[in-house]
All heavy atoms as atom14 arrays in JSON, in Angstrom:
{
  "sequence": "LDEFAIRKGHCYAFALMDPTTGHIWQTSEGKVENPSRMDYFTIHFDN",
  "atom14_mask": [
    [1, 1, 1, 1, 1, 1, 1, 1, 0, 0, 0, 0, 0, 0],
    [1, 1, 1, 1, 1, 1, 1, 1, 0, 0, 0, 0, 0, 0],
    [1, 1, 1, 1, 1, 1, 1, 1, 1, 0, 0, 0, 0, 0],
    [1, 1, 1, 1, 1, 1, 1, 1, 1, 1, 1, 0, 0, 0],
    [1, 1, 1, 1, 1, 0, 0, 0, 0, 0, 0, 0, 0, 0],
    [1, 1, 1, 1, 1, 1, 1, 1, 0, 0, 0, 0, 0, 0],
    [1, 1, 1, 1, 1, 1, 1, 1, 1, 1, 1, 0, 0, 0],
    [1, 1, 1, 1, 1, 1, 1, 1, 1, 0, 0, 0, 0, 0],
    [1, 1, 1, 1, 0, 0, 0, 0, 0, 0, 0, 0, 0, 0],
    [1, 1, 1, 1, 1, 1, 1, 1, 1, 1, 0, 0, 0, 0],
    [1, 1, 1, 1, 1, 1, 0, 0, 0, 0, 0, 0, 0, 0],
    [1, 1, 1, 1, 1, 1, 1, 1, 1, 1, 1, 1, 0, 0],
    [1, 1, 1, 1, 1, 0, 0, 0, 0, 0, 0, 0, 0, 0],
    [1, 1, 1, 1, 1, 1, 1, 1, 1, 1, 1, 0, 0, 0],
    [1, 1, 1, 1, 1, 0, 0, 0, 0, 0, 0, 0, 0, 0],
    [1, 1, 1, 1, 1, 1, 1, 1, 0, 0, 0, 0, 0, 0],
    [1, 1, 1, 1, 1, 1, 1, 1, 0, 0, 0, 0, 0, 0],
    [1, 1, 1, 1, 1, 1, 1, 1, 0, 0, 0, 0, 0, 0],
    [1, 1, 1, 1, 1, 1, 1, 0, 0, 0, 0, 0, 0, 0],
    [1, 1, 1, 1, 1, 1, 1, 0, 0, 0, 0, 0, 0, 0],
    [1, 1, 1, 1, 1, 1, 1, 0, 0, 0, 0, 0, 0, 0],
    [1, 1, 1, 1, 0, 0, 0, 0, 0, 0, 0, 0, 0, 0],
    [1, 1, 1, 1, 1, 1, 1, 1, 1, 1, 0, 0, 0, 0],
    [1, 1, 1, 1, 1, 1, 1, 1, 0, 0, 0, 0, 0, 0],
    [1, 1, 1, 1, 1, 1, 1, 1, 1, 1, 1, 1, 1, 1],
    [1, 1, 1, 1, 1, 1, 1, 1, 1, 0, 0, 0, 0, 0],
    [1, 1, 1, 1, 1, 1, 1, 0, 0, 0, 0, 0, 0, 0],
    [1, 1, 1, 1, 1, 1, 0, 0, 0, 0, 0, 0, 0, 0],
    [1, 1, 1, 1, 1, 1, 1, 1, 1, 0, 0, 0, 0, 0],
    [1, 1, 1, 1, 0, 0, 0, 0, 0, 0, 0, 0, 0, 0],
    [1, 1, 1, 1, 1, 1, 1, 1, 1, 0, 0, 0, 0, 0],
    [1, 1, 1, 1, 1, 1, 1, 0, 0, 0, 0, 0, 0, 0],
    [1, 1, 1, 1, 1, 1, 1, 1, 1, 0, 0, 0, 0, 0],
    [1, 1, 1, 1, 1, 1, 1, 1, 0, 0, 0, 0, 0, 0],
    [1, 1, 1, 1, 1, 1, 1, 0, 0, 0, 0, 0, 0, 0],
    [1, 1, 1, 1, 1, 1, 0, 0, 0, 0, 0, 0, 0, 0],
    [1, 1, 1, 1, 1, 1, 1, 1, 1, 1, 1, 0, 0, 0],
    [1, 1, 1, 1, 1, 1, 1, 1, 0, 0, 0, 0, 0, 0],
    [1, 1, 1, 1, 1, 1, 1, 1, 0, 0, 0, 0, 0, 0],
    [1, 1, 1, 1, 1, 1, 1, 1, 1, 1, 1, 1, 0, 0],
    [1, 1, 1, 1, 1, 1, 1, 1, 1, 1, 1, 0, 0, 0],
    [1, 1, 1, 1, 1, 1, 1, 0, 0, 0, 0, 0, 0, 0],
    [1, 1, 1, 1, 1, 1, 1, 1, 0, 0, 0, 0, 0, 0],
    [1, 1, 1, 1, 1, 1, 1, 1, 1, 1, 0, 0, 0, 0],
    [1, 1, 1, 1, 1, 1, 1, 1, 1, 1, 1, 0, 0, 0],
    [1, 1, 1, 1, 1, 1, 1, 1, 0, 0, 0, 0, 0, 0],
    [1, 1, 1, 1, 1, 1, 1, 1, 0, 0, 0, 0, 0, 0]
  ],
  "atom14_positions": [
    [[-80.45, -33.46, -47.36], [-80.28, -34.3, -48.49], [-81.03, -35.57, -48.23], [-80.7, -36.31, -47.34], [-78.81, -34.47, -48.78], [-78.49, -35.51, -49.98], [-79.0, -34.97, -51.31], [-77.04, -35.73, -49.92], [0.0, 0.0, 0.0], [0.0, 0.0, 0.0], [0.0, 0.0, 0.0], [0.0, 0.0, 0.0], [0.0, 0.0, 0.0], [0.0, 0.0, 0.0]],
    [[-81.9, -36.07, -49.21], [-82.6, -37.24, -49.1], [-82.61, -37.93, -50.48], [-82.89, -37.36, -51.46], [-84.07, -37.01, -48.68], [-84.8, -38.32, -48.4], [-84.17, -39.27, -48.14], [-86.07, -38.28, -48.53], [0.0, 0.0, 0.0], [0.0, 0.0, 0.0], [0.0, 0.0, 0.0], [0.0, 0.0, 0.0], [0.0, 0.0, 0.0], [0.0, 0.0, 0.0]],
    [[-82.18, -39.25, -50.39], [-82.16, -40.02, -51.65], [-83.41, -40.96, -51.65], [-83.7, -41.49, -50.61], [-80.84, -40.87, -51.69], [-80.66, -41.59, -52.94], [-79.36, -42.35, -52.97], [-79.31, -43.53, -52.43], [-78.32, -41.93, -53.44], [0.0, 0.0, 0.0], [0.0, 0.0, 0.0], [0.0, 0.0, 0.0], [0.0, 0.0, 0.0], [0.0, 0.0, 0.0]],
    [[-83.98, -41.11, -52.81], [-85.14, -41.89, -52.92], [-85.16, -42.7, -54.19], [-84.41, -42.37, -55.17], [-86.43, -41.12, -52.84], [-86.59, -40.05, -53.8], [-87.3, -40.25, -54.99], [-85.99, -38.77, -53.46], [-87.41, -39.24, -55.88], [-86.14, -37.77, -54.53], [-86.86, -38.02, -55.66], [0.0, 0.0, 0.0], [0.0, 0.0, 0.0], [0.0, 0.0, 0.0]],
    [[-85.93, -43.76, -54.3], [-85.97, -44.59, -55.41], [-87.24, -44.26, -56.34], [-88.23, -44.28, -55.81], [-86.02, -46.07, -55.05], [0.0, 0.0, 0.0], [0.0, 0.0, 0.0], [0.0, 0.0, 0.0], [0.0, 0.0, 0.0], [0.0, 0.0, 0.0], [0.0, 0.0, 0.0], [0.0, 0.0, 0.0], [0.0, 0.0, 0.0], [0.0, 0.0, 0.0]],
    [[-86.97, -44.1, -57.58], [-88.07, -43.93, -58.47], [-88.48, -45.38, -58.98], [-89.72, -45.59, -59.06], [-87.61, -43.13, -59.8], [-87.2, -41.69, -59.29], [-88.67, -43.01, -60.84], [-86.67, -40.78, -60.44], [0.0, 0.0, 0.0], [0.0, 0.0, 0.0], [0.0, 0.0, 0.0], [0.0, 0.0, 0.0], [0.0, 0.0, 0.0], [0.0, 0.0, 0.0]],
    [[-87.51, -46.15, -59.23], [-87.8, -47.59, -59.42], [-86.64, -48.32, -58.78], [-85.49, -48.37, -59.17], [-87.68, -47.91, -61.05], [-88.1, -49.34, -61.27], [-88.0, -49.63, -62.85], [-88.3, -51.02, -62.97], [-88.01, -51.62, -64.23], [-87.44, -50.75, -65.24], [-88.3, -52.78, -64.55], [0.0, 0.0, 0.0], [0.0, 0.0, 0.0], [0.0, 0.0, 0.0]],
    [[-87.11, -49.02, -57.62], [-86.15, -49.61, -56.79], [-85.21, -50.57, -57.51], [-85.63, -51.48, -58.23], [-86.91, -50.31, -55.64], [-85.99, -50.85, -54.44], [-86.83, -51.36, -53.27], [-87.66, -50.16, -52.69], [-88.31, -50.55, -51.48], [0.0, 0.0, 0.0], [0.0, 0.0, 0.0], [0.0, 0.0, 0.0], [0.0, 0.0, 0.0], [0.0, 0.0, 0.0]],
    [[-83.92, -50.33, -57.27], [-82.84, -51.16, -57.86], [-82.41, -50.86, -59.33], [-81.59, -51.28, -59.76], [0.0, 0.0, 0.0], [0.0, 0.0, 0.0], [0.0, 0.0, 0.0], [0.0, 0.0, 0.0], [0.0, 0.0, 0.0], [0.0, 0.0, 0.0], [0.0, 0.0, 0.0], [0.0, 0.0, 0.0], [0.0, 0.0, 0.0], [0.0, 0.0, 0.0]],
    [[-83.07, -49.85, -59.84], [-82.9, -49.34, -61.21], [-82.61, -47.85, -61.26], [-81.67, -47.43, -61.88], [-83.94, -49.73, -62.14], [-84.25, -51.28, -62.26], [-83.42, -52.05, -63.1], [-85.04, -52.04, -61.56], [-83.94, -53.28, -63.02], [-84.8, -53.4, -62.03], [0.0, 0.0, 0.0], [0.0, 0.0, 0.0], [0.0, 0.0, 0.0], [0.0, 0.0, 0.0]],
    [[-83.52, -47.03, -60.82], [-83.41, -45.64, -60.91], [-83.65, -44.84, -59.64], [-84.64, -45.13, -58.88], [-84.64, -45.14, -62.06], [-84.56, -43.45, -62.4], [0.0, 0.0, 0.0], [0.0, 0.0, 0.0], [0.0, 0.0, 0.0], [0.0, 0.0, 0.0], [0.0, 0.0, 0.0], [0.0, 0.0, 0.0], [0.0, 0.0, 0.0], [0.0, 0.0, 0.0]],
    [[-82.71, -43.99, -59.38], [-82.78, -43.3, -58.14], [-82.62, -41.69, -58.35], [-82.31, -41.18, -59.34], [-81.6, -43.71, -57.19], [-81.63, -45.09, -56.66], [-81.37, -46.16, -57.35], [-82.29, -45.36, -55.42], [-81.45, -47.45, -56.9], [-82.41, -46.67, -54.98], [-82.01, -47.67, -55.65], [-82.23, -48.93, -55.18], [0.0, 0.0, 0.0], [0.0, 0.0, 0.0]],
    [[-83.01, -40.99, -57.39], [-82.93, -39.51, -57.36], [-82.74, -39.01, -55.94], [-82.81, -39.8, -55.06], [-84.15, -38.91, -58.04], [0.0, 0.0, 0.0], [0.0, 0.0, 0.0], [0.0, 0.0, 0.0], [0.0, 0.0, 0.0], [0.0, 0.0, 0.0], [0.0, 0.0, 0.0], [0.0, 0.0, 0.0], [0.0, 0.0, 0.0], [0.0, 0.0, 0.0]],
    [[-82.34, -37.67, -55.92], [-82.19, -37.2, -54.53], [-82.8, -35.79, -54.55], [-83.11, -35.1, -55.6], [-80.75, -37.02, -54.12], [-79.84, -36.19, -55.14], [-79.72, -34.83, -55.0], [-79.17, -36.91, -56.15], [-79.03, -34.13, -55.91], [-78.37, -36.15, -57.03], [-78.29, -34.72, -56.9], [0.0, 0.0, 0.0], [0.0, 0.0, 0.0], [0.0, 0.0, 0.0]],
    [[-83.2, -35.33, -53.33], [-83.9, -34.04, -53.17], [-83.17, -33.17, -52.09], [-82.67, -33.77, -51.21], [-85.31, -34.24, -52.93], [0.0, 0.0, 0.0], [0.0, 0.0, 0.0], [0.0, 0.0, 0.0], [0.0, 0.0, 0.0], [0.0, 0.0, 0.0], [0.0, 0.0, 0.0], [0.0, 0.0, 0.0], [0.0, 0.0, 0.0], [0.0, 0.0, 0.0]],
    [[-83.23, -31.87, -52.18], [-82.69, -31.02, -51.25], [-83.9, -30.3, -50.64], [-84.65, -29.6, -51.3], [-81.81, -29.99, -51.8], [-80.41, -30.48, -52.3], [-79.64, -29.37, -53.06], [-79.58, -31.0, -51.21], [0.0, 0.0, 0.0], [0.0, 0.0, 0.0], [0.0, 0.0, 0.0], [0.0, 0.0, 0.0], [0.0, 0.0, 0.0], [0.0, 0.0, 0.0]],
    [[-84.11, -30.35, -49.36], [-85.3, -29.87, -48.62], [-84.92, -28.97, -47.5], [-84.01, -29.2, -46.81], [-86.16, -31.02, -48.14], [-87.48, -30.65, -47.56], [-88.37, -31.97, -46.74], [-87.37, -32.33, -45.29], [0.0, 0.0, 0.0], [0.0, 0.0, 0.0], [0.0, 0.0, 0.0], [0.0, 0.0, 0.0], [0.0, 0.0, 0.0], [0.0, 0.0, 0.0]],
    [[-85.69, -27.96, -47.33], [-85.55, -27.03, -46.14], [-86.21, -27.76, -44.97], [-87.44, -27.91, -45.0], [-86.21, -25.69, -46.41], [-86.01, -24.65, -45.33], [-85.54, -25.05, -44.27], [-86.34, -23.56, -45.61], [0.0, 0.0, 0.0], [0.0, 0.0, 0.0], [0.0, 0.0, 0.0], [0.0, 0.0, 0.0], [0.0, 0.0, 0.0], [0.0, 0.0, 0.0]],
    [[-85.43, -28.08, -43.96], [-86.01, -28.77, -42.81], [-86.95, -27.92, -42.01], [-87.78, -28.37, -41.2], [-84.79, -29.13, -41.85], [-83.78, -28.17, -42.28], [-83.98, -27.84, -43.8], [0.0, 0.0, 0.0], [0.0, 0.0, 0.0], [0.0, 0.0, 0.0], [0.0, 0.0, 0.0], [0.0, 0.0, 0.0], [0.0, 0.0, 0.0], [0.0, 0.0, 0.0]],
    [[-86.98, -26.59, -42.11], [-87.81, -25.69, -41.32], [-89.25, -25.62, -42.07], [-90.24, -25.7, -41.34], [-87.22, -24.33, -41.23], [-85.91, -24.44, -40.67], [-88.1, -23.41, -40.37], [0.0, 0.0, 0.0], [0.0, 0.0, 0.0], [0.0, 0.0, 0.0], [0.0, 0.0, 0.0], [0.0, 0.0, 0.0], [0.0, 0.0, 0.0], [0.0, 0.0, 0.0]],
    [[-89.28, -25.43, -43.17], [-90.54, -25.24, -43.95], [-91.11, -26.54, -44.69], [-92.16, -26.52, -44.97], [-90.46, -24.12, -44.86], [-89.55, -24.47, -45.93], [-89.98, -22.85, -44.33], [0.0, 0.0, 0.0], [0.0, 0.0, 0.0], [0.0, 0.0, 0.0], [0.0, 0.0, 0.0], [0.0, 0.0, 0.0], [0.0, 0.0, 0.0], [0.0, 0.0, 0.0]],
    [[-90.18, -27.43, -44.93], [-90.58, -28.58, -45.72], [-90.57, -28.4, -47.21], [-90.92, -29.19, -47.89], [0.0, 0.0, 0.0], [0.0, 0.0, 0.0], [0.0, 0.0, 0.0], [0.0, 0.0, 0.0], [0.0, 0.0, 0.0], [0.0, 0.0, 0.0], [0.0, 0.0, 0.0], [0.0, 0.0, 0.0], [0.0, 0.0, 0.0], [0.0, 0.0, 0.0]],
    [[-90.1, -27.22, -47.66], [-90.12, -26.92, -49.08], [-88.92, -27.65, -49.83], [-87.81, -27.69, -49.18], [-89.98, -25.47, -49.3], [-90.02, -25.07, -50.76], [-91.08, -25.14, -51.55], [-88.89, -24.6, -51.6], [-90.77, -24.73, -52.75], [-89.46, -24.47, -52.79], [0.0, 0.0, 0.0], [0.0, 0.0, 0.0], [0.0, 0.0, 0.0], [0.0, 0.0, 0.0]],
    [[-89.19, -28.23, -50.91], [-88.18, -28.97, -51.68], [-87.59, -28.03, -52.66], [-88.36, -27.6, -53.63], [-88.75, -30.18, -52.28], [-89.28, -31.2, -51.21], [-87.69, -30.9, -53.16], [-89.94, -32.46, -51.78], [0.0, 0.0, 0.0], [0.0, 0.0, 0.0], [0.0, 0.0, 0.0], [0.0, 0.0, 0.0], [0.0, 0.0, 0.0], [0.0, 0.0, 0.0]],
    [[-86.34, -27.67, -52.63], [-85.71, -26.71, -53.41], [-85.16, -27.25, -54.7], [-85.16, -26.53, -55.78], [-84.69, -25.89, -52.69], [-85.19, -24.97, -51.68], [-85.26, -25.16, -50.38], [-85.59, -23.57, -51.93], [-85.83, -24.06, -49.82], [-86.0, -23.1, -50.75], [-85.63, -22.83, -53.07], [-86.41, -21.77, -50.54], [-86.28, -21.61, -52.92], [-86.58, -20.97, -51.76]],
    [[-84.73, -28.46, -54.79], [-84.2, -29.08, -55.93], [-84.24, -30.57, -55.88], [-83.99, -31.1, -54.8], [-82.67, -28.61, -55.99], [-81.93, -29.11, -57.22], [-80.53, -28.57, -57.3], [-80.32, -27.38, -57.04], [-79.66, -29.35, -57.73], [0.0, 0.0, 0.0], [0.0, 0.0, 0.0], [0.0, 0.0, 0.0], [0.0, 0.0, 0.0], [0.0, 0.0, 0.0]],
    [[-84.52, -31.27, -56.99], [-84.44, -32.56, -57.22], [-83.63, -32.93, -58.42], [-83.66, -32.18, -59.38], [-85.83, -33.23, -57.37], [-86.43, -32.61, -58.47], [-86.69, -32.99, -56.15], [0.0, 0.0, 0.0], [0.0, 0.0, 0.0], [0.0, 0.0, 0.0], [0.0, 0.0, 0.0], [0.0, 0.0, 0.0], [0.0, 0.0, 0.0], [0.0, 0.0, 0.0]],
    [[-82.9, -33.85, -58.4], [-82.0, -34.4, -59.51], [-81.96, -35.86, -59.55], [-82.06, -36.54, -58.46], [-80.54, -33.81, -59.36], [-80.6, -32.43, -59.29], [0.0, 0.0, 0.0], [0.0, 0.0, 0.0], [0.0, 0.0, 0.0], [0.0, 0.0, 0.0], [0.0, 0.0, 0.0], [0.0, 0.0, 0.0], [0.0, 0.0, 0.0], [0.0, 0.0, 0.0]],
    [[-81.91, -36.43, -60.78], [-81.93, -37.79, -60.93], [-80.5, -38.31, -60.78], [-79.46, -37.7, -61.13], [-82.37, -38.21, -62.33], [-82.63, -39.71, -62.51], [-83.35, -40.07, -63.86], [-83.99, -39.13, -64.29], [-83.37, -41.18, -64.2], [0.0, 0.0, 0.0], [0.0, 0.0, 0.0], [0.0, 0.0, 0.0], [0.0, 0.0, 0.0], [0.0, 0.0, 0.0]],
    [[-80.35, -39.5, -60.23], [-78.99, -40.17, -59.94], [-78.74, -40.36, -58.48], [-79.45, -40.01, -57.6], [0.0, 0.0, 0.0], [0.0, 0.0, 0.0], [0.0, 0.0, 0.0], [0.0, 0.0, 0.0], [0.0, 0.0, 0.0], [0.0, 0.0, 0.0], [0.0, 0.0, 0.0], [0.0, 0.0, 0.0], [0.0, 0.0, 0.0], [0.0, 0.0, 0.0]],
    [[-77.75, -41.21, -58.22], [-77.44, -41.55, -56.81], [-76.31, -40.7, -56.36], [-75.46, -40.23, -57.09], [-77.0, -43.14, -56.78], [-78.02, -44.1, -57.08], [-77.59, -45.45, -56.75], [-77.63, -45.61, -55.21], [-77.44, -47.0, -54.71], [0.0, 0.0, 0.0], [0.0, 0.0, 0.0], [0.0, 0.0, 0.0], [0.0, 0.0, 0.0], [0.0, 0.0, 0.0]],
    [[-76.23, -40.47, -55.01], [-75.31, -39.66, -54.39], [-74.2, -40.68, -54.0], [-74.28, -41.44, -53.08], [-75.8, -38.99, -53.09], [-74.75, -38.16, -52.47], [-77.02, -38.01, -53.58], [0.0, 0.0, 0.0], [0.0, 0.0, 0.0], [0.0, 0.0, 0.0], [0.0, 0.0, 0.0], [0.0, 0.0, 0.0], [0.0, 0.0, 0.0], [0.0, 0.0, 0.0]],
    [[-73.12, -40.63, -54.76], [-72.05, -41.57, -54.43], [-71.25, -41.28, -53.06], [-70.92, -42.13, -52.42], [-70.95, -41.57, -55.61], [-71.64, -41.95, -56.94], [-72.11, -43.38, -56.89], [-71.62, -44.19, -56.18], [-72.96, -43.61, -57.84], [0.0, 0.0, 0.0], [0.0, 0.0, 0.0], [0.0, 0.0, 0.0], [0.0, 0.0, 0.0], [0.0, 0.0, 0.0]],
    [[-71.12, -39.96, -52.79], [-70.43, -39.67, -51.56], [-71.24, -38.55, -50.87], [-71.08, -37.34, -51.09], [-69.01, -39.07, -51.91], [-68.2, -38.91, -50.62], [-68.75, -39.0, -49.52], [-66.97, -38.58, -50.86], [0.0, 0.0, 0.0], [0.0, 0.0, 0.0], [0.0, 0.0, 0.0], [0.0, 0.0, 0.0], [0.0, 0.0, 0.0], [0.0, 0.0, 0.0]],
    [[-72.12, -38.9, -49.91], [-73.06, -38.0, -49.31], [-72.22, -36.98, -48.44], [-72.77, -35.9, -48.12], [-73.95, -38.91, -48.42], [-73.85, -40.27, -48.92], [-72.46, -40.33, -49.5], [0.0, 0.0, 0.0], [0.0, 0.0, 0.0], [0.0, 0.0, 0.0], [0.0, 0.0, 0.0], [0.0, 0.0, 0.0], [0.0, 0.0, 0.0], [0.0, 0.0, 0.0]],
    [[-71.05, -37.23, -48.08], [-70.31, -36.33, -47.2], [-69.8, -35.16, -47.96], [-69.34, -34.15, -47.41], [-69.05, -36.99, -46.56], [-68.11, -37.46, -47.6], [0.0, 0.0, 0.0], [0.0, 0.0, 0.0], [0.0, 0.0, 0.0], [0.0, 0.0, 0.0], [0.0, 0.0, 0.0], [0.0, 0.0, 0.0], [0.0, 0.0, 0.0], [0.0, 0.0, 0.0]],
    [[-69.87, -35.24, -49.38], [-69.49, -34.09, -50.23], [-70.7, -33.4, -50.74], [-71.34, -34.11, -51.67], [-68.4, -34.57, -51.24], [-67.05, -34.9, -50.75], [-66.11, -35.16, -51.89], [-66.13, -34.13, -52.87], [-65.32, -32.99, -52.72], [-64.64, -32.81, -51.7], [-65.39, -32.01, -53.76], [0.0, 0.0, 0.0], [0.0, 0.0, 0.0], [0.0, 0.0, 0.0]],
    [[-70.94, -32.17, -50.46], [-72.1, -31.5, -50.95], [-71.74, -30.27, -51.68], [-72.67, -29.43, -51.93], [-73.19, -31.22, -49.8], [-73.7, -32.4, -49.19], [-75.04, -31.99, -47.96], [-76.26, -31.12, -48.96], [0.0, 0.0, 0.0], [0.0, 0.0, 0.0], [0.0, 0.0, 0.0], [0.0, 0.0, 0.0], [0.0, 0.0, 0.0], [0.0, 0.0, 0.0]],
    [[-70.43, -29.98, -51.85], [-70.04, -28.73, -52.52], [-70.34, -28.6, -53.92], [-70.11, -27.6, -54.51], [-68.54, -28.49, -52.18], [-67.72, -29.68, -52.55], [-68.27, -30.7, -52.83], [-66.55, -29.46, -52.75], [0.0, 0.0, 0.0], [0.0, 0.0, 0.0], [0.0, 0.0, 0.0], [0.0, 0.0, 0.0], [0.0, 0.0, 0.0], [0.0, 0.0, 0.0]],
    [[-70.84, -29.81, -54.53], [-71.02, -29.79, -55.97], [-72.51, -29.41, -56.28], [-72.96, -29.31, -57.47], [-70.59, -31.01, -56.62], [-71.28, -32.25, -55.95], [-72.6, -32.65, -56.41], [-70.59, -33.06, -55.0], [-73.18, -33.74, -55.8], [-71.17, -34.09, -54.46], [-72.47, -34.48, -54.89], [-72.98, -35.59, -54.24], [0.0, 0.0, 0.0], [0.0, 0.0, 0.0]],
    [[-73.31, -29.17, -55.3], [-74.7, -28.87, -55.56], [-74.78, -27.35, -55.68], [-74.18, -26.56, -54.95], [-75.6, -29.22, -54.28], [-75.78, -30.74, -54.17], [-75.22, -31.48, -53.15], [-76.44, -31.52, -55.08], [-75.33, -32.79, -53.03], [-76.59, -32.8, -55.03], [-76.01, -33.42, -53.93], [0.0, 0.0, 0.0], [0.0, 0.0, 0.0], [0.0, 0.0, 0.0]],
    [[-75.69, -26.89, -56.53], [-75.96, -25.47, -56.65], [-77.51, -25.22, -56.73], [-78.14, -26.11, -57.29], [-75.33, -24.85, -57.93], [-75.79, -25.54, -59.06], [-73.83, -24.93, -57.76], [0.0, 0.0, 0.0], [0.0, 0.0, 0.0], [0.0, 0.0, 0.0], [0.0, 0.0, 0.0], [0.0, 0.0, 0.0], [0.0, 0.0, 0.0], [0.0, 0.0, 0.0]],
    [[-77.96, -24.15, -56.25], [-79.4, -23.9, -56.24], [-79.53, -22.37, -56.44], [-78.7, -21.55, -55.99], [-80.01, -24.35, -54.86], [-81.5, -24.33, -54.93], [-79.52, -23.5, -53.7], [-82.17, -25.16, -53.93], [0.0, 0.0, 0.0], [0.0, 0.0, 0.0], [0.0, 0.0, 0.0], [0.0, 0.0, 0.0], [0.0, 0.0, 0.0], [0.0, 0.0, 0.0]],
    [[-80.69, -22.13, -57.17], [-80.92, -20.59, -57.47], [-81.82, -19.92, -56.41], [-82.89, -20.46, -56.12], [-81.5, -20.59, -58.86], [-80.66, -20.95, -59.93], [-79.7, -20.21, -60.57], [-80.36, -22.19, -60.56], [-78.99, -20.84, -61.46], [-79.45, -22.05, -61.43], [0.0, 0.0, 0.0], [0.0, 0.0, 0.0], [0.0, 0.0, 0.0], [0.0, 0.0, 0.0]],
    [[-81.43, -18.8, -55.89], [-82.22, -17.99, -55.03], [-82.25, -16.58, -55.63], [-81.31, -15.87, -55.76], [-81.65, -17.96, -53.65], [-81.61, -19.26, -52.87], [-80.39, -19.81, -52.33], [-82.68, -20.06, -52.86], [-80.42, -20.87, -51.68], [-82.68, -21.16, -52.24], [-81.46, -21.74, -51.71], [0.0, 0.0, 0.0], [0.0, 0.0, 0.0], [0.0, 0.0, 0.0]],
    [[-83.5, -16.14, -56.06], [-83.66, -14.72, -56.43], [-82.74, -14.24, -57.41], [-81.93, -13.35, -57.09], [-83.65, -13.91, -55.17], [-84.79, -14.16, -54.06], [-85.83, -14.7, -54.56], [-84.47, -14.05, -52.97], [0.0, 0.0, 0.0], [0.0, 0.0, 0.0], [0.0, 0.0, 0.0], [0.0, 0.0, 0.0], [0.0, 0.0, 0.0], [0.0, 0.0, 0.0]],
    [[-82.65, -14.87, -58.52], [-81.75, -14.53, -59.68], [-80.29, -14.46, -59.41], [-79.48, -13.96, -60.12], [-82.12, -13.04, -60.1], [-83.59, -12.98, -60.64], [-84.15, -13.88, -61.18], [-84.24, -11.86, -60.33], [0.0, 0.0, 0.0], [0.0, 0.0, 0.0], [0.0, 0.0, 0.0], [0.0, 0.0, 0.0], [0.0, 0.0, 0.0], [0.0, 0.0, 0.0]]
  ]
}
């Protein structure tokens, strides 16, 4: 999980990346308020 700024101080987003291949599976706008909780993320694999 990596959080980045689209416009610093105003607009943020986060991305989910495979550390092995470097492929980014999902990006969403907004800040991660509690990075220790990741059970609310969902991602689609093969239907």
